[in-house]
């Protein structure tokens, strides 16, 4: 008996898989529902049209201001609303940021991401942040910031400082968002992404899986990302890290195959984007990570710490890359 046929994909152009910004929920659901091997075959085939399948881009992430955030994001240990054992820290001095960036570059990172636990930066915060961007750029590294919500003016100032990427995740679907965050709206997220895009800064935007959302929520998250006027250049897909003291510390476990499916669908929908295997890798087996790379993930965060949570060691990542024949870029 023949297996169920794969979903018809848009025709290929001379440059490969045709970009679309009009995906319907039903179409994305059909991708998720395919047999696992069919889905991975499609995703890997599309991935090879646009990327070297043996290369993974390496980013490093540093918390430049930690804790006491006024937002109530249910997954985040940095929220002032949650009873978490986390020592808050003020904005880091410039020389410490540069030292960390140099260390990350020495370990193979090509992009340095800096995150501050703010709802949105105040004007007094922006100049030191811009100084950090300029200093890291001087090291010949790509720069990325995540500072919360931005105004159009702040976005333009960061662009003038030389910022390459701005990270602002949508986190989940519009329908599930209020179950996770109540201190800002989904539209607030979309507005910041538009301000960043208008300033000609590359967009880094994805979501967090395993927060108790349904598959439909994962479908709707990816639909929101892919149907933007321009696909995010970088799409981080995070697996929830359950932190004691946060509202989501007891969220149900997500089936690992469902996570891999989400990576594969993201690759199919956004063929030119870097799909980053982000937070949660410490809780993934080597085999699960290998499946994610097969499904089209081609970027990771390198280093033992992601803002405030742990990450696999650089040595562990190097060993995994060697076993898989992957080159860090």
C-alpha atoms as a PDB file:
ATOM      1  CA  UNK A   1       0.000   0.000   0.000  1.00  0.00           C
ATOM      2  CA  UNK A   2       1.334   3.428  -0.914  1.00  0.00           C
ATOM      3  CA  UNK A   3       1.868   5.970   1.859  1.00  0.00           C
ATOM      4  CA  UNK A   4      -0.173   9.161   1.924  1.00  0.00           C
ATOM      5  CA  UNK A   5       1.207  11.648  -0.609  1.00  0.00           C
ATOM      6  CA  UNK A   6       3.030  14.711   0.622  1.00  0.00           C
ATOM      7  CA  UNK A   7       1.343  18.082   0.492  1.00  0.00           C
ATOM      8  CA  UNK A   8       1.857  19.995  -2.739  1.00  0.00           C
ATOM      9  CA  UNK A   9       4.374  22.775  -2.262  1.00  0.00           C
ATOM     10  CA  UNK A  10       4.663  25.990  -4.295  1.00  0.00           C
ATOM     11  CA  UNK A  11       6.548  25.624  -7.597  1.00  0.00           C
ATOM     12  CA  UNK A  12      10.284  26.081  -7.540  1.00  0.00           C
ATOM     13  CA  UNK A  13      11.866  29.138  -9.076  1.00  0.00           C
ATOM     14  CA  UNK A  14      15.337  29.200 -10.627  1.00  0.00           C
ATOM     15  CA  UNK A  15      16.615  30.129  -7.157  1.00  0.00           C
ATOM     16  CA  UNK A  16      14.800  27.304  -5.376  1.00  0.00           C
ATOM     17  CA  UNK A  17      11.742  27.202  -3.126  1.00  0.00           C
ATOM     18  CA  UNK A  18       9.319  30.035  -3.798  1.00  0.00           C
ATOM     19  CA  UNK A  19       8.797  32.441  -0.929  1.00  0.00           C
ATOM     20  CA  UNK A  20       5.233  32.872   0.284  1.00  0.00           C
ATOM     21  CA  UNK A  21       3.630  35.287   2.729  1.00  0.00           C
ATOM     22  CA  UNK A  22       0.070  34.021   2.413  1.00  0.00           C
ATOM     23  CA  UNK A  23       0.107  30.633   4.120  1.00  0.00           C
ATOM     24  CA  UNK A  24      -3.277  29.528   5.413  1.00  0.00           C
ATOM     25  CA  UNK A  25      -3.716  27.806   8.751  1.00  0.00           C
ATOM     26  CA  UNK A  26      -5.065  24.660   7.069  1.00  0.00           C
ATOM     27  CA  UNK A  27      -2.011  24.404   4.806  1.00  0.00           C
ATOM     28  CA  UNK A  28       0.408  24.626   7.726  1.00  0.00           C
ATOM     29  CA  UNK A  29      -1.638  22.077   9.665  1.00  0.00           C
ATOM     30  CA  UNK A  30      -1.357  19.690   6.738  1.00  0.00           C
ATOM     31  CA  UNK A  31       2.427  20.029   6.824  1.00  0.00           C
ATOM     32  CA  UNK A  32       2.453  19.102  10.515  1.00  0.00           C
ATOM     33  CA  UNK A  33       0.213  16.105   9.891  1.00  0.00           C
ATOM     34  CA  UNK A  34       2.429  14.464   7.287  1.00  0.00           C
ATOM     35  CA  UNK A  35       4.270  11.244   8.081  1.00  0.00           C
ATOM     36  CA  UNK A  36       7.431  12.194   9.954  1.00  0.00           C
ATOM     37  CA  UNK A  37       9.844  10.928   7.284  1.00  0.00           C
ATOM     38  CA  UNK A  38       7.989  12.738   4.490  1.00  0.00           C
ATOM     39  CA  UNK A  39       8.087  15.996   6.431  1.00  0.00           C
ATOM     40  CA  UNK A  40      11.810  15.737   7.183  1.00  0.00           C
ATOM     41  CA  UNK A  41      12.568  14.808   3.560  1.00  0.00           C
ATOM     42  CA  UNK A  42      10.779  17.927   2.317  1.00  0.00           C
ATOM     43  CA  UNK A  43      12.422  20.156   4.894  1.00  0.00           C
ATOM     44  CA  UNK A  44      15.926  18.835   4.212  1.00  0.00           C
ATOM     45  CA  UNK A  45      15.408  19.080   0.445  1.00  0.00           C
ATOM     46  CA  UNK A  46      14.399  22.737   0.748  1.00  0.00           C
ATOM     47  CA  UNK A  47      17.200  23.405   3.222  1.00  0.00           C
ATOM     48  CA  UNK A  48      19.816  22.163   0.732  1.00  0.00           C
ATOM     49  CA  UNK A  49      18.556  24.567  -1.925  1.00  0.00           C
ATOM     50  CA  UNK A  50      19.558  27.566   0.186  1.00  0.00           C
ATOM     51  CA  UNK A  51      22.167  26.466   2.722  1.00  0.00           C
ATOM     52  CA  UNK A  52      25.142  24.181   3.071  1.00  0.00           C
ATOM     53  CA  UNK A  53      23.638  21.245   5.019  1.00  0.00           C
ATOM     54  CA  UNK A  54      26.920  20.741   6.877  1.00  0.00           C
ATOM     55  CA  UNK A  55      27.223  24.276   8.289  1.00  0.00           C
ATOM     56  CA  UNK A  56      25.668  25.703  11.447  1.00  0.00           C
ATOM     57  CA  UNK A  57      25.932  29.379  12.366  1.00  0.00           C
ATOM     58  CA  UNK A  58      27.157  30.044  15.913  1.00  0.00           C
ATOM     59  CA  UNK A  59      25.814  32.839  18.103  1.00  0.00           C
ATOM     60  CA  UNK A  60      26.679  33.720  21.683  1.00  0.00           C
ATOM     61  CA  UNK A  61      24.253  35.335  24.142  1.00  0.00           C
ATOM     62  CA  UNK A  62      25.070  37.612  27.082  1.00  0.00           C
ATOM     63  CA  UNK A  63      22.758  39.134  29.690  1.00  0.00           C
ATOM     64  CA  UNK A  64      23.886  42.758  29.922  1.00  0.00           C
ATOM     65  CA  UNK A  65      21.211  43.666  32.492  1.00  0.00           C
ATOM     66  CA  UNK A  66      19.634  40.948  34.617  1.00  0.00           C
ATOM     67  CA  UNK A  67      16.376  40.644  36.565  1.00  0.00           C
ATOM     68  CA  UNK A  68      13.628  42.895  37.970  1.00  0.00           C
ATOM     69  CA  UNK A  69      11.767  43.137  34.680  1.00  0.00           C
ATOM     70  CA  UNK A  70       8.276  44.607  35.023  1.00  0.00           C
ATOM     71  CA  UNK A  71       6.787  42.157  32.502  1.00  0.00           C
ATOM     72  CA  UNK A  72       5.049  39.000  33.788  1.00  0.00           C
ATOM     73  CA  UNK A  73       6.112  36.505  31.086  1.00  0.00           C
ATOM     74  CA  UNK A  74       5.197  33.134  32.579  1.00  0.00           C
ATOM     75  CA  UNK A  75       8.365  31.409  31.406  1.00  0.00           C
ATOM     76  CA  UNK A  76      10.900  34.026  32.474  1.00  0.00           C
ATOM     77  CA  UNK A  77      12.936  33.920  35.696  1.00  0.00           C
ATOM     78  CA  UNK A  78      13.839  37.582  35.220  1.00  0.00           C
ATOM     79  CA  UNK A  79      10.295  38.805  35.862  1.00  0.00           C
ATOM     80  CA  UNK A  80       9.826  40.783  39.073  1.00  0.00           C
ATOM     81  CA  UNK A  81       6.422  39.096  39.376  1.00  0.00           C
ATOM     82  CA  UNK A  82       7.885  35.639  40.072  1.00  0.00           C
ATOM     83  CA  UNK A  83       9.477  34.194  43.201  1.00  0.00           C
ATOM     84  CA  UNK A  84      12.725  32.989  41.650  1.00  0.00           C
ATOM     85  CA  UNK A  85      16.180  32.788  43.159  1.00  0.00           C
ATOM     86  CA  UNK A  86      17.910  35.166  40.797  1.00  0.00           C
ATOM     87  CA  UNK A  87      20.231  37.982  41.704  1.00  0.00           C
ATOM     88  CA  UNK A  88      19.426  41.122  39.751  1.00  0.00           C
ATOM     89  CA  UNK A  89      22.318  42.984  38.159  1.00  0.00           C
ATOM     90  CA  UNK A  90      22.553  46.497  36.663  1.00  0.00           C
ATOM     91  CA  UNK A  91      23.713  47.246  33.149  1.00  0.00           C
ATOM     92  CA  UNK A  92      27.161  45.760  32.600  1.00  0.00           C
ATOM     93  CA  UNK A  93      30.167  48.026  32.047  1.00  0.00           C
ATOM     94  CA  UNK A  94      31.328  48.304  28.462  1.00  0.00           C
ATOM     95  CA  UNK A  95      34.714  46.694  29.102  1.00  0.00           C
ATOM     96  CA  UNK A  96      33.084  43.558  30.534  1.00  0.00           C
ATOM     97  CA  UNK A  97      30.825  43.251  27.485  1.00  0.00           C
ATOM     98  CA  UNK A  98      33.802  43.577  25.136  1.00  0.00           C
ATOM     99  CA  UNK A  99      35.724  40.971  27.138  1.00  0.00           C
ATOM    100  CA  UNK A 100      32.801  38.541  26.846  1.00  0.00           C
ATOM    101  CA  UNK A 101      32.466  39.211  23.108  1.00  0.00           C
ATOM    102  CA  UNK A 102      36.162  38.521  22.537  1.00  0.00           C
ATOM    103  CA  UNK A 103      35.873  35.254  24.452  1.00  0.00           C
ATOM    104  CA  UNK A 104      32.829  34.237  22.397  1.00  0.00           C
ATOM    105  CA  UNK A 105      34.636  35.001  19.141  1.00  0.00           C
ATOM    106  CA  UNK A 106      37.640  32.946  20.283  1.00  0.00           C
ATOM    107  CA  UNK A 107      35.284  29.988  20.791  1.00  0.00           C
ATOM    108  CA  UNK A 108      33.894  30.295  17.261  1.00  0.00           C
ATOM    109  CA  UNK A 109      30.873  32.597  17.582  1.00  0.00           C
ATOM    110  CA  UNK A 110      30.243  34.885  14.603  1.00  0.00           C
ATOM    111  CA  UNK A 111      27.298  36.743  16.163  1.00  0.00           C
ATOM    112  CA  UNK A 112      27.166  38.299  19.625  1.00  0.00           C
ATOM    113  CA  UNK A 113      23.725  38.795  21.129  1.00  0.00           C
ATOM    114  CA  UNK A 114      23.099  41.062  24.118  1.00  0.00           C
ATOM    115  CA  UNK A 115      19.935  40.965  26.195  1.00  0.00           C
ATOM    116  CA  UNK A 116      18.597  43.344  28.831  1.00  0.00           C
ATOM    117  CA  UNK A 117      15.621  42.590  31.090  1.00  0.00           C
ATOM    118  CA  UNK A 118      13.572  45.677  30.289  1.00  0.00           C
ATOM    119  CA  UNK A 119       9.973  46.216  29.255  1.00  0.00           C
ATOM    120  CA  UNK A 120      11.493  48.832  26.971  1.00  0.00           C
ATOM    121  CA  UNK A 121      14.736  50.804  27.262  1.00  0.00           C
ATOM    122  CA  UNK A 122      14.650  54.304  28.714  1.00  0.00           C
ATOM    123  CA  UNK A 123      16.434  57.043  26.832  1.00  0.00           C
ATOM    124  CA  UNK A 124      19.244  57.098  29.417  1.00  0.00           C
ATOM    125  CA  UNK A 125      19.872  53.412  28.685  1.00  0.00           C
ATOM    126  CA  UNK A 126      20.225  53.772  24.953  1.00  0.00           C
ATOM    127  CA  UNK A 127      23.614  55.482  24.717  1.00  0.00           C
ATOM    128  CA  UNK A 128      25.529  52.824  26.702  1.00  0.00           C
ATOM    129  CA  UNK A 129      23.762  50.131  24.684  1.00  0.00           C
ATOM    130  CA  UNK A 130      24.760  51.816  21.420  1.00  0.00           C
ATOM    131  CA  UNK A 131      28.352  52.006  22.688  1.00  0.00           C
ATOM    132  CA  UNK A 132      28.227  48.235  23.186  1.00  0.00           C
ATOM    133  CA  UNK A 133      27.002  47.724  19.628  1.00  0.00           C
ATOM    134  CA  UNK A 134      29.833  49.840  18.232  1.00  0.00           C
ATOM    135  CA  UNK A 135      32.471  48.058  20.331  1.00  0.00           C
ATOM    136  CA  UNK A 136      31.313  44.572  19.336  1.00  0.00           C
ATOM    137  CA  UNK A 137      31.079  45.601  15.677  1.00  0.00           C
ATOM    138  CA  UNK A 138      34.700  46.713  15.919  1.00  0.00           C
ATOM    139  CA  UNK A 139      35.576  43.074  16.704  1.00  0.00           C
ATOM    140  CA  UNK A 140      34.202  42.090  13.273  1.00  0.00           C
ATOM    141  CA  UNK A 141      31.210  40.272  14.744  1.00  0.00           C
ATOM    142  CA  UNK A 142      27.528  40.537  13.865  1.00  0.00           C
ATOM    143  CA  UNK A 143      25.588  42.256  16.622  1.00  0.00           C
ATOM    144  CA  UNK A 144      22.168  41.425  18.022  1.00  0.00           C
ATOM    145  CA  UNK A 145      20.167  43.062  20.826  1.00  0.00           C
ATOM    146  CA  UNK A 146      17.028  42.165  22.727  1.00  0.00           C
ATOM    147  CA  UNK A 147      15.864  45.049  24.912  1.00  0.00           C
ATOM    148  CA  UNK A 148      12.086  44.702  24.964  1.00  0.00           C
ATOM    149  CA  UNK A 149       9.754  47.000  23.074  1.00  0.00           C
ATOM    150  CA  UNK A 150      11.247  49.739  20.901  1.00  0.00           C
ATOM    151  CA  UNK A 151       9.884  52.995  19.534  1.00  0.00           C
ATOM    152  CA  UNK A 152      10.556  53.984  15.916  1.00  0.00           C
ATOM    153  CA  UNK A 153      13.111  56.551  17.142  1.00  0.00           C
ATOM    154  CA  UNK A 154      14.979  54.004  19.282  1.00  0.00           C
ATOM    155  CA  UNK A 155      15.083  51.579  16.374  1.00  0.00           C
ATOM    156  CA  UNK A 156      16.636  54.236  14.173  1.00  0.00           C
ATOM    157  CA  UNK A 157      19.227  55.083  16.827  1.00  0.00           C
ATOM    158  CA  UNK A 158      20.259  51.435  17.128  1.00  0.00           C
ATOM    159  CA  UNK A 159      20.542  51.194  13.356  1.00  0.00           C
ATOM    160  CA  UNK A 160      22.812  54.245  13.301  1.00  0.00           C
ATOM    161  CA  UNK A 161      25.005  52.582  15.939  1.00  0.00           C
ATOM    162  CA  UNK A 162      25.450  49.650  13.563  1.00  0.00           C
ATOM    163  CA  UNK A 163      23.092  47.039  15.013  1.00  0.00           C
ATOM    164  CA  UNK A 164      22.667  44.079  12.665  1.00  0.00           C
ATOM    165  CA  UNK A 165      19.839  42.082  14.283  1.00  0.00           C
ATOM    166  CA  UNK A 166      17.095  42.745  16.808  1.00  0.00           C
ATOM    167  CA  UNK A 167      15.511  39.842  18.663  1.00  0.00           C
ATOM    168  CA  UNK A 168      11.864  40.119  19.653  1.00  0.00           C
ATOM    169  CA  UNK A 169      10.073  36.781  19.836  1.00  0.00           C
ATOM    170  CA  UNK A 170       6.353  36.401  19.285  1.00  0.00           C
ATOM    171  CA  UNK A 171       6.553  33.503  21.783  1.00  0.00           C
ATOM    172  CA  UNK A 172       3.303  31.752  20.811  1.00  0.00           C
ATOM    173  CA  UNK A 173       0.044  32.187  18.916  1.00  0.00           C
ATOM    174  CA  UNK A 174      -2.120  35.308  19.195  1.00  0.00           C
ATOM    175  CA  UNK A 175      -4.819  33.161  20.802  1.00  0.00           C
ATOM    176  CA  UNK A 176      -2.597  31.655  23.526  1.00  0.00           C
ATOM    177  CA  UNK A 177      -0.511  34.732  24.222  1.00  0.00           C
ATOM    178  CA  UNK A 178      -2.621  36.049  27.114  1.00  0.00           C
ATOM    179  CA  UNK A 179      -2.208  32.698  28.887  1.00  0.00           C
ATOM    180  CA  UNK A 180       1.530  33.419  29.094  1.00  0.00           C
ATOM    181  CA  UNK A 181       1.836  37.216  29.272  1.00  0.00           C
ATOM    182  CA  UNK A 182      -0.641  39.860  30.453  1.00  0.00           C
ATOM    183  CA  UNK A 183       1.512  43.004  30.750  1.00  0.00           C
ATOM    184  CA  UNK A 184       1.632  43.662  27.017  1.00  0.00           C
ATOM    185  CA  UNK A 185      -0.308  42.612  23.954  1.00  0.00           C
ATOM    186  CA  UNK A 186       0.514  40.598  20.875  1.00  0.00           C
ATOM    187  CA  UNK A 187       0.119  43.753  18.846  1.00  0.00           C
ATOM    188  CA  UNK A 188       2.833  45.385  20.980  1.00  0.00           C
ATOM    189  CA  UNK A 189       5.169  42.637  19.796  1.00  0.00           C
ATOM    190  CA  UNK A 190       4.190  43.104  16.161  1.00  0.00           C
ATOM    191  CA  UNK A 191       4.580  46.877  16.411  1.00  0.00           C
ATOM    192  CA  UNK A 192       8.172  46.565  17.654  1.00  0.00           C
ATOM    193  CA  UNK A 193       9.007  44.165  14.829  1.00  0.00           C
ATOM    194  CA  UNK A 194       7.641  46.705  12.358  1.00  0.00           C
ATOM    195  CA  UNK A 195       9.683  49.521  13.909  1.00  0.00           C
ATOM    196  CA  UNK A 196      12.815  47.376  13.647  1.00  0.00           C
ATOM    197  CA  UNK A 197      12.060  46.435  10.050  1.00  0.00           C
ATOM    198  CA  UNK A 198      11.367  50.069   9.139  1.00  0.00           C
ATOM    199  CA  UNK A 199      14.806  50.960  10.521  1.00  0.00           C
ATOM    200  CA  UNK A 200      16.367  48.377   8.177  1.00  0.00           C
ATOM    201  CA  UNK A 201      17.585  46.170  11.035  1.00  0.00           C
ATOM    202  CA  UNK A 202      17.407  42.420  10.441  1.00  0.00           C
ATOM    203  CA  UNK A 203      14.702  40.665  12.429  1.00  0.00           C
ATOM    204  CA  UNK A 204      15.295  37.759  14.790  1.00  0.00           C
ATOM    205  CA  UNK A 205      11.896  36.432  15.886  1.00  0.00           C
ATOM    206  CA  UNK A 206      10.554  33.029  16.821  1.00  0.00           C
ATOM    207  CA  UNK A 207       8.832  31.375  19.728  1.00  0.00           C
ATOM    208  CA  UNK A 208       8.866  29.037  22.703  1.00  0.00           C
ATOM    209  CA  UNK A 209       7.375  25.556  22.495  1.00  0.00           C
ATOM    210  CA  UNK A 210       6.230  23.429  25.408  1.00  0.00           C
ATOM    211  CA  UNK A 211       4.330  26.107  27.344  1.00  0.00           C
ATOM    212  CA  UNK A 212       1.130  24.055  27.357  1.00  0.00           C
ATOM    213  CA  UNK A 213       0.049  25.325  23.945  1.00  0.00           C
ATOM    214  CA  UNK A 214      -1.779  23.163  21.403  1.00  0.00           C
ATOM    215  CA  UNK A 215      -0.498  22.169  17.981  1.00  0.00           C
ATOM    216  CA  UNK A 216      -2.857  24.780  16.546  1.00  0.00           C
ATOM    217  CA  UNK A 217      -0.999  27.397  18.587  1.00  0.00           C
ATOM    218  CA  UNK A 218       2.283  26.219  17.054  1.00  0.00           C
ATOM    219  CA  UNK A 219       0.682  26.403  13.615  1.00  0.00           C
ATOM    220  CA  UNK A 220      -0.594  29.928  14.291  1.00  0.00           C
ATOM    221  CA  UNK A 221       2.788  31.080  15.637  1.00  0.00           C
ATOM    222  CA  UNK A 222       4.546  29.953  12.467  1.00  0.00           C
ATOM    223  CA  UNK A 223       1.778  31.488  10.359  1.00  0.00           C
ATOM    224  CA  UNK A 224       2.338  34.845  12.057  1.00  0.00           C
ATOM    225  CA  UNK A 225       6.069  34.656  11.384  1.00  0.00           C
ATOM    226  CA  UNK A 226       5.930  33.529   7.768  1.00  0.00           C
ATOM    227  CA  UNK A 227       3.140  35.880   6.716  1.00  0.00           C
ATOM    228  CA  UNK A 228       5.027  39.007   7.690  1.00  0.00           C
ATOM    229  CA  UNK A 229       5.894  41.300   4.805  1.00  0.00           C
ATOM    230  CA  UNK A 230       9.413  39.887   4.976  1.00  0.00           C
ATOM    231  CA  UNK A 231      10.396  36.659   6.693  1.00  0.00           C
ATOM    232  CA  UNK A 232      12.556  37.072   9.811  1.00  0.00           C
ATOM    233  CA  UNK A 233      16.190  36.593   8.850  1.00  0.00           C
ATOM    234  CA  UNK A 234      16.632  34.510  12.007  1.00  0.00           C
ATOM    235  CA  UNK A 235      13.956  32.290  13.579  1.00  0.00           C
ATOM    236  CA  UNK A 236      14.833  30.991  17.071  1.00  0.00           C
ATOM    237  CA  UNK A 237      12.777  27.971  18.128  1.00  0.00           C
ATOM    238  CA  UNK A 238      13.049  27.505  21.891  1.00  0.00           C
ATOM    239  CA  UNK A 239      12.039  24.554  24.049  1.00  0.00           C
ATOM    240  CA  UNK A 240      10.699  25.799  27.374  1.00  0.00           C
ATOM    241  CA  UNK A 241      13.204  25.638  30.233  1.00  0.00           C
ATOM    242  CA  UNK A 242      11.084  25.060  33.319  1.00  0.00           C
ATOM    243  CA  UNK A 243      12.388  27.304  36.061  1.00  0.00           C
ATOM    244  CA  UNK A 244      11.225  26.758  39.617  1.00  0.00           C
ATOM    245  CA  UNK A 245       9.158  29.690  40.826  1.00  0.00           C
ATOM    246  CA  UNK A 246       7.770  30.635  37.405  1.00  0.00           C
ATOM    247  CA  UNK A 247       4.115  29.956  36.492  1.00  0.00           C
ATOM    248  CA  UNK A 248       5.214  27.448  33.840  1.00  0.00           C
ATOM    249  CA  UNK A 249       7.489  25.350  36.033  1.00  0.00           C
ATOM    250  CA  UNK A 250       5.019  22.440  35.807  1.00  0.00           C
ATOM    251  CA  UNK A 251       4.075  22.752  32.141  1.00  0.00           C
ATOM    252  CA  UNK A 252       3.463  19.365  30.462  1.00  0.00           C
ATOM    253  CA  UNK A 253       6.333  17.799  28.550  1.00  0.00           C
ATOM    254  CA  UNK A 254       6.348  18.360  24.805  1.00  0.00           C
ATOM    255  CA  UNK A 255       6.806  15.296  22.601  1.00  0.00           C
ATOM    256  CA  UNK A 256      10.345  15.584  21.121  1.00  0.00           C
ATOM    257  CA  UNK A 257       9.029  14.572  17.688  1.00  0.00           C
ATOM    258  CA  UNK A 258       6.547  17.453  17.841  1.00  0.00           C
ATOM    259  CA  UNK A 259       9.437  19.839  18.454  1.00  0.00           C
ATOM    260  CA  UNK A 260      11.342  18.412  15.463  1.00  0.00           C
ATOM    261  CA  UNK A 261       8.186  18.712  13.342  1.00  0.00           C
ATOM    262  CA  UNK A 262       7.997  22.392  14.272  1.00  0.00           C
ATOM    263  CA  UNK A 263      11.598  22.932  13.141  1.00  0.00           C
ATOM    264  CA  UNK A 264      10.858  21.198   9.836  1.00  0.00           C
ATOM    265  CA  UNK A 265       7.701  23.216   9.170  1.00  0.00           C
ATOM    266  CA  UNK A 266       9.561  26.443   9.988  1.00  0.00           C
ATOM    267  CA  UNK A 267      12.201  25.491   7.417  1.00  0.00           C
ATOM    268  CA  UNK A 268       9.588  24.792   4.740  1.00  0.00           C
ATOM    269  CA  UNK A 269       7.705  28.030   5.405  1.00  0.00           C
ATOM    270  CA  UNK A 270      10.790  30.248   5.667  1.00  0.00           C
ATOM    271  CA  UNK A 271      13.379  28.662   3.352  1.00  0.00           C
ATOM    272  CA  UNK A 272      15.841  31.590   3.354  1.00  0.00           C
ATOM    273  CA  UNK A 273      15.829  32.160   7.128  1.00  0.00           C
ATOM    274  CA  UNK A 274      18.306  30.827   9.632  1.00  0.00           C
ATOM    275  CA  UNK A 275      16.327  28.540  11.926  1.00  0.00           C
ATOM    276  CA  UNK A 276      17.993  28.579  15.317  1.00  0.00           C
ATOM    277  CA  UNK A 277      17.871  25.680  17.740  1.00  0.00           C
ATOM    278  CA  UNK A 278      17.784  27.875  20.833  1.00  0.00           C
ATOM    279  CA  UNK A 279      16.976  27.470  24.523  1.00  0.00           C
ATOM    280  CA  UNK A 280      16.353  24.008  25.904  1.00  0.00           C
ATOM    281  CA  UNK A 281      19.191  22.170  24.170  1.00  0.00           C
ATOM    282  CA  UNK A 282      20.624  21.046  27.504  1.00  0.00           C
ATOM    283  CA  UNK A 283      17.520  18.881  27.911  1.00  0.00           C
ATOM    284  CA  UNK A 284      17.752  17.445  24.390  1.00  0.00           C
ATOM    285  CA  UNK A 285      19.595  14.258  23.550  1.00  0.00           C
ATOM    286  CA  UNK A 286      22.276  14.319  20.869  1.00  0.00           C
ATOM    287  CA  UNK A 287      19.910  12.297  18.717  1.00  0.00           C
ATOM    288  CA  UNK A 288      17.120  14.871  19.061  1.00  0.00           C
ATOM    289  CA  UNK A 289      19.485  17.694  18.143  1.00  0.00           C
ATOM    290  CA  UNK A 290      20.688  15.716  15.130  1.00  0.00           C
ATOM    291  CA  UNK A 291      17.084  15.339  13.963  1.00  0.00           C
ATOM    292  CA  UNK A 292      16.604  19.090  14.349  1.00  0.00           C
ATOM    293  CA  UNK A 293      19.619  19.737  12.110  1.00  0.00           C
ATOM    294  CA  UNK A 294      18.217  17.239   9.605  1.00  0.00           C
ATOM    295  CA  UNK A 295      14.892  19.107   9.768  1.00  0.00           C
ATOM    296  CA  UNK A 296      16.595  22.356   8.766  1.00  0.00           C
ATOM    297  CA  UNK A 297      17.946  23.986  11.929  1.00  0.00           C
ATOM    298  CA  UNK A 298      21.198  25.707  11.008  1.00  0.00           C
ATOM    299  CA  UNK A 299      22.016  28.006  13.926  1.00  0.00           C
ATOM    300  CA  UNK A 300      22.594  27.544  17.669  1.00  0.00           C
ATOM    301  CA  UNK A 301      23.575  29.520  20.740  1.00  0.00           C
ATOM    302  CA  UNK A 302      27.058  28.537  21.841  1.00  0.00           C
ATOM    303  CA  UNK A 303      28.274  28.776  25.430  1.00  0.00           C
ATOM    304  CA  UNK A 304      27.439  27.480  28.889  1.00  0.00           C
ATOM    305  CA  UNK A 305      24.793  30.125  29.693  1.00  0.00           C
ATOM    306  CA  UNK A 306      21.803  31.681  27.940  1.00  0.00           C
ATOM    307  CA  UNK A 307      20.982  34.897  29.773  1.00  0.00           C
ATOM    308  CA  UNK A 308      20.171  33.193  33.110  1.00  0.00           C
ATOM    309  CA  UNK A 309      19.695  29.518  32.190  1.00  0.00           C
ATOM    310  CA  UNK A 310      22.241  26.838  31.355  1.00  0.00           C
ATOM    311  CA  UNK A 311      23.265  25.595  27.916  1.00  0.00           C
ATOM    312  CA  UNK A 312      25.458  22.704  26.705  1.00  0.00           C
ATOM    313  CA  UNK A 313      29.183  23.324  27.058  1.00  0.00           C
ATOM    314  CA  UNK A 314      31.169  24.460  24.049  1.00  0.00           C
ATOM    315  CA  UNK A 315      33.159  21.218  24.240  1.00  0.00           C
ATOM    316  CA  UNK A 316      29.962  19.151  24.110  1.00  0.00           C
ATOM    317  CA  UNK A 317      28.801  21.075  21.041  1.00  0.00           C
ATOM    318  CA  UNK A 318      32.160  20.652  19.326  1.00  0.00           C
ATOM    319  CA  UNK A 319      32.060  16.908  19.953  1.00  0.00           C
ATOM    320  CA  UNK A 320      28.522  16.654  18.598  1.00  0.00           C
ATOM    321  CA  UNK A 321      29.463  18.640  15.503  1.00  0.00           C
ATOM    322  CA  UNK A 322      32.431  16.344  14.907  1.00  0.00           C
ATOM    323  CA  UNK A 323      30.232  13.259  15.179  1.00  0.00           C
ATOM    324  CA  UNK A 324      27.743  14.739  12.706  1.00  0.00           C
ATOM    325  CA  UNK A 325      30.293  16.227  10.297  1.00  0.00           C
ATOM    326  CA  UNK A 326      29.012  19.761  10.939  1.00  0.00           C
ATOM    327  CA  UNK A 327      31.155  22.884  10.558  1.00  0.00           C
ATOM    328  CA  UNK A 328      30.641  25.881  12.801  1.00  0.00           C
ATOM    329  CA  UNK A 329      30.462  29.214  10.936  1.00  0.00           C
END
